[in-house]
C-alpha atoms as a PDB file:
ATOM      1  CA  UNK A   1      70.967 139.025  86.520  1.00  0.00           C
ATOM      2  CA  UNK A   2      69.111 135.949  87.251  1.00  0.00           C
ATOM      3  CA  UNK A   3      65.945 137.532  89.088  1.00  0.00           C
ATOM      4  CA  UNK A   4      62.893 135.276  88.766  1.00  0.00           C
ATOM      5  CA  UNK A   5      64.683 131.962  88.504  1.00  0.00           C
ATOM      6  CA  UNK A   6      64.380 131.353  92.068  1.00  0.00           C
ATOM      7  CA  UNK A   7      67.223 129.114  93.786  1.00  0.00           C
ATOM      8  CA  UNK A   8      69.539 129.560  90.626  1.00  0.00           C
ATOM      9  CA  UNK A   9      70.178 133.219  91.652  1.00  0.00           C
ATOM     10  CA  UNK A  10      71.550 132.081  94.870  1.00  0.00           C
ATOM     11  CA  UNK A  11      73.396 129.607  93.074  1.00  0.00           C
ATOM     12  CA  UNK A  12      75.149 132.078  90.889  1.00  0.00           C
ATOM     13  CA  UNK A  13      75.863 133.765  93.998  1.00  0.00           C
ATOM     14  CA  UNK A  14      77.415 131.004  95.842  1.00  0.00           C
ATOM     15  CA  UNK A  15      79.350 129.884  92.762  1.00  0.00           C
ATOM     16  CA  UNK A  16      80.650 133.325  92.681  1.00  0.00           C
ATOM     17  CA  UNK A  17      81.684 133.326  96.341  1.00  0.00           C
ATOM     18  CA  UNK A  18      83.381 130.153  95.684  1.00  0.00           C
ATOM     19  CA  UNK A  19      85.662 131.392  93.237  1.00  0.00           C
ATOM     20  CA  UNK A  20      86.504 134.397  95.054  1.00  0.00           C
ATOM     21  CA  UNK A  21      87.480 132.103  98.031  1.00  0.00           C
ATOM     22  CA  UNK A  22      89.692 129.904  95.614  1.00  0.00           C
ATOM     23  CA  UNK A  23      91.422 133.008  94.240  1.00  0.00           C
ATOM     24  CA  UNK A  24      92.117 134.316  98.062  1.00  0.00           C
ATOM     25  CA  UNK A  25      93.544 130.784  99.136  1.00  0.00           C
ATOM     26  CA  UNK A  26      95.753 130.590  95.881  1.00  0.00           C
ATOM     27  CA  UNK A  27      96.864 134.362  96.832  1.00  0.00           C
ATOM     28  CA  UNK A  28      97.429 133.050 100.307  1.00  0.00           C
ATOM     29  CA  UNK A  29      99.554 130.245  99.377  1.00  0.00           C
ATOM     30  CA  UNK A  30     102.238 132.066  97.142  1.00  0.00           C
ATOM     31  CA  UNK A  31     102.049 134.557 100.495  1.00  0.00           C
ATOM     32  CA  UNK A  32     102.870 132.043 102.904  1.00  0.00           C
ATOM     33  CA  UNK A  33     105.638 130.560 100.528  1.00  0.00           C
ATOM     34  CA  UNK A  34     107.337 134.096 100.536  1.00  0.00           C
ATOM     35  CA  UNK A  35     106.758 134.984 104.425  1.00  0.00           C
ATOM     36  CA  UNK A  36     109.736 133.688 106.555  1.00  0.00           C
ATOM     37  CA  UNK A  37     110.259 132.878 110.008  1.00  0.00           C
ATOM     38  CA  UNK A  38     113.607 132.253 111.755  1.00  0.00           C
ATOM     39  CA  UNK A  39     114.004 129.631 114.604  1.00  0.00           C
ATOM     40  CA  UNK A  40     116.792 129.128 117.046  1.00  0.00           C
ATOM     41  CA  UNK A  41     118.434 127.305 119.855  1.00  0.00           C
ATOM     42  CA  UNK A  42     121.679 127.661 122.019  1.00  0.00           C
ATOM     43  CA  UNK A  43     120.913 131.606 122.464  1.00  0.00           C
ATOM     44  CA  UNK A  44     120.914 132.003 118.976  1.00  0.00           C
ATOM     45  CA  UNK A  45     124.171 130.051 118.011  1.00  0.00           C
ATOM     46  CA  UNK A  46     122.035 127.933 115.611  1.00  0.00           C
ATOM     47  CA  UNK A  47     119.406 129.590 113.339  1.00  0.00           C
ATOM     48  CA  UNK A  48     116.844 127.919 111.064  1.00  0.00           C
ATOM     49  CA  UNK A  49     114.846 130.000 108.472  1.00  0.00           C
ATOM     50  CA  UNK A  50     111.565 128.563 107.266  1.00  0.00           C
ATOM     51  CA  UNK A  51     109.138 129.981 105.141  1.00  0.00           C
ATOM     52  CA  UNK A  52     105.457 129.729 106.553  1.00  0.00           C
ATOM     53  CA  UNK A  53     104.354 126.727 104.623  1.00  0.00           C
ATOM     54  CA  UNK A  54     107.379 124.948 106.953  1.00  0.00           C
ATOM     55  CA  UNK A  55     110.252 124.789 103.705  1.00  0.00           C
ATOM     56  CA  UNK A  56     113.617 124.864 105.435  1.00  0.00           C
ATOM     57  CA  UNK A  57     115.282 128.076 103.338  1.00  0.00           C
ATOM     58  CA  UNK A  58     118.462 128.401 105.617  1.00  0.00           C
ATOM     59  CA  UNK A  59     120.678 127.287 108.248  1.00  0.00           C
ATOM     60  CA  UNK A  60     123.364 129.430 110.040  1.00  0.00           C
ATOM     61  CA  UNK A  61     125.526 127.783 112.688  1.00  0.00           C
ATOM     62  CA  UNK A  62     127.986 129.915 114.806  1.00  0.00           C
ATOM     63  CA  UNK A  63     131.473 128.638 114.210  1.00  0.00           C
ATOM     64  CA  UNK A  64     132.141 128.697 117.946  1.00  0.00           C
ATOM     65  CA  UNK A  65     130.422 125.535 118.321  1.00  0.00           C
ATOM     66  CA  UNK A  66     132.315 122.995 116.005  1.00  0.00           C
ATOM     67  CA  UNK A  67     134.210 120.761 118.723  1.00  0.00           C
ATOM     68  CA  UNK A  68     134.566 117.303 117.557  1.00  0.00           C
ATOM     69  CA  UNK A  69     134.075 116.346 120.942  1.00  0.00           C
ATOM     70  CA  UNK A  70     130.880 118.045 121.208  1.00  0.00           C
ATOM     71  CA  UNK A  71     129.164 116.624 118.070  1.00  0.00           C
ATOM     72  CA  UNK A  72     126.095 115.503 119.723  1.00  0.00           C
ATOM     73  CA  UNK A  73     125.405 118.815 121.244  1.00  0.00           C
ATOM     74  CA  UNK A  74     125.368 120.493 117.736  1.00  0.00           C
ATOM     75  CA  UNK A  75     123.080 118.051 116.440  1.00  0.00           C
ATOM     76  CA  UNK A  76     120.918 118.625 118.991  1.00  0.00           C
ATOM     77  CA  UNK A  77     120.968 122.513 118.848  1.00  0.00           C
ATOM     78  CA  UNK A  78     120.556 122.023 115.127  1.00  0.00           C
ATOM     79  CA  UNK A  79     117.383 119.807 115.542  1.00  0.00           C
ATOM     80  CA  UNK A  80     115.858 122.348 118.087  1.00  0.00           C
ATOM     81  CA  UNK A  81     116.933 125.338 115.648  1.00  0.00           C
ATOM     82  CA  UNK A  82     114.645 123.566 112.926  1.00  0.00           C
ATOM     83  CA  UNK A  83     112.002 122.088 114.971  1.00  0.00           C
ATOM     84  CA  UNK A  84     111.596 125.718 116.268  1.00  0.00           C
ATOM     85  CA  UNK A  85     111.189 127.063 112.871  1.00  0.00           C
ATOM     86  CA  UNK A  86     108.658 124.790 112.079  1.00  0.00           C
ATOM     87  CA  UNK A  87     106.592 125.623 115.221  1.00  0.00           C
ATOM     88  CA  UNK A  88     106.682 129.414 114.237  1.00  0.00           C
ATOM     89  CA  UNK A  89     105.982 128.624 110.359  1.00  0.00           C
ATOM     90  CA  UNK A  90     102.885 126.647 111.428  1.00  0.00           C
ATOM     91  CA  UNK A  91     101.715 129.115 113.747  1.00  0.00           C
ATOM     92  CA  UNK A  92     101.934 131.937 111.222  1.00  0.00           C
ATOM     93  CA  UNK A  93     100.374 129.757 108.944  1.00  0.00           C
ATOM     94  CA  UNK A  94      97.732 129.512 111.092  1.00  0.00           C
ATOM     95  CA  UNK A  95      97.404 133.440 111.777  1.00  0.00           C
ATOM     96  CA  UNK A  96      97.170 134.219 108.254  1.00  0.00           C
ATOM     97  CA  UNK A  97      94.791 131.357 107.577  1.00  0.00           C
ATOM     98  CA  UNK A  98      92.500 132.879 110.299  1.00  0.00           C
ATOM     99  CA  UNK A  99      93.215 136.557 108.741  1.00  0.00           C
ATOM    100  CA  UNK A 100      91.930 135.164 105.394  1.00  0.00           C
ATOM    101  CA  UNK A 101      89.031 133.441 106.874  1.00  0.00           C
ATOM    102  CA  UNK A 102      87.779 136.374 108.705  1.00  0.00           C
ATOM    103  CA  UNK A 103      87.907 138.991 105.986  1.00  0.00           C
ATOM    104  CA  UNK A 104      85.720 136.778 104.290  1.00  0.00           C
ATOM    105  CA  UNK A 105      83.192 136.512 107.079  1.00  0.00           C
ATOM    106  CA  UNK A 106      83.752 133.200 108.028  1.00  0.00           C
ATOM    107  CA  UNK A 107      84.289 131.835 111.525  1.00  0.00           C
ATOM    108  CA  UNK A 108      87.819 132.253 112.393  1.00  0.00           C
ATOM    109  CA  UNK A 109      88.499 128.854 113.099  1.00  0.00           C
ATOM    110  CA  UNK A 110      87.292 127.265 110.175  1.00  0.00           C
ATOM    111  CA  UNK A 111      89.468 124.713 108.781  1.00  0.00           C
ATOM    112  CA  UNK A 112      90.339 125.690 105.174  1.00  0.00           C
ATOM    113  CA  UNK A 113      92.523 122.994 103.167  1.00  0.00           C
ATOM    114  CA  UNK A 114      95.496 125.370 103.087  1.00  0.00           C
END
């Protein structure tokens, strides 16, 4: 296409690769919003669900833990479940980014702005 133009041919190839990466990153952003993970605490008495982007989407609490005298315990269980969900979301996010970078022939540990 741009033969005989020296570095411009390489530049066109680089621009095409950058556009492809941009498209794949946008697709990954959408995918991360639809992947969910669940964190829990209290042996499953409290469950928090989040997207792989870290957005909390649901909270399930077993009614058996509602005791006014143990308010602090319930609060701690809720926070622990949310933190567990957020940690799992971050881990899943990193797995998906590594998968994308490896599929594009980039180093797995390359830090992409996702």
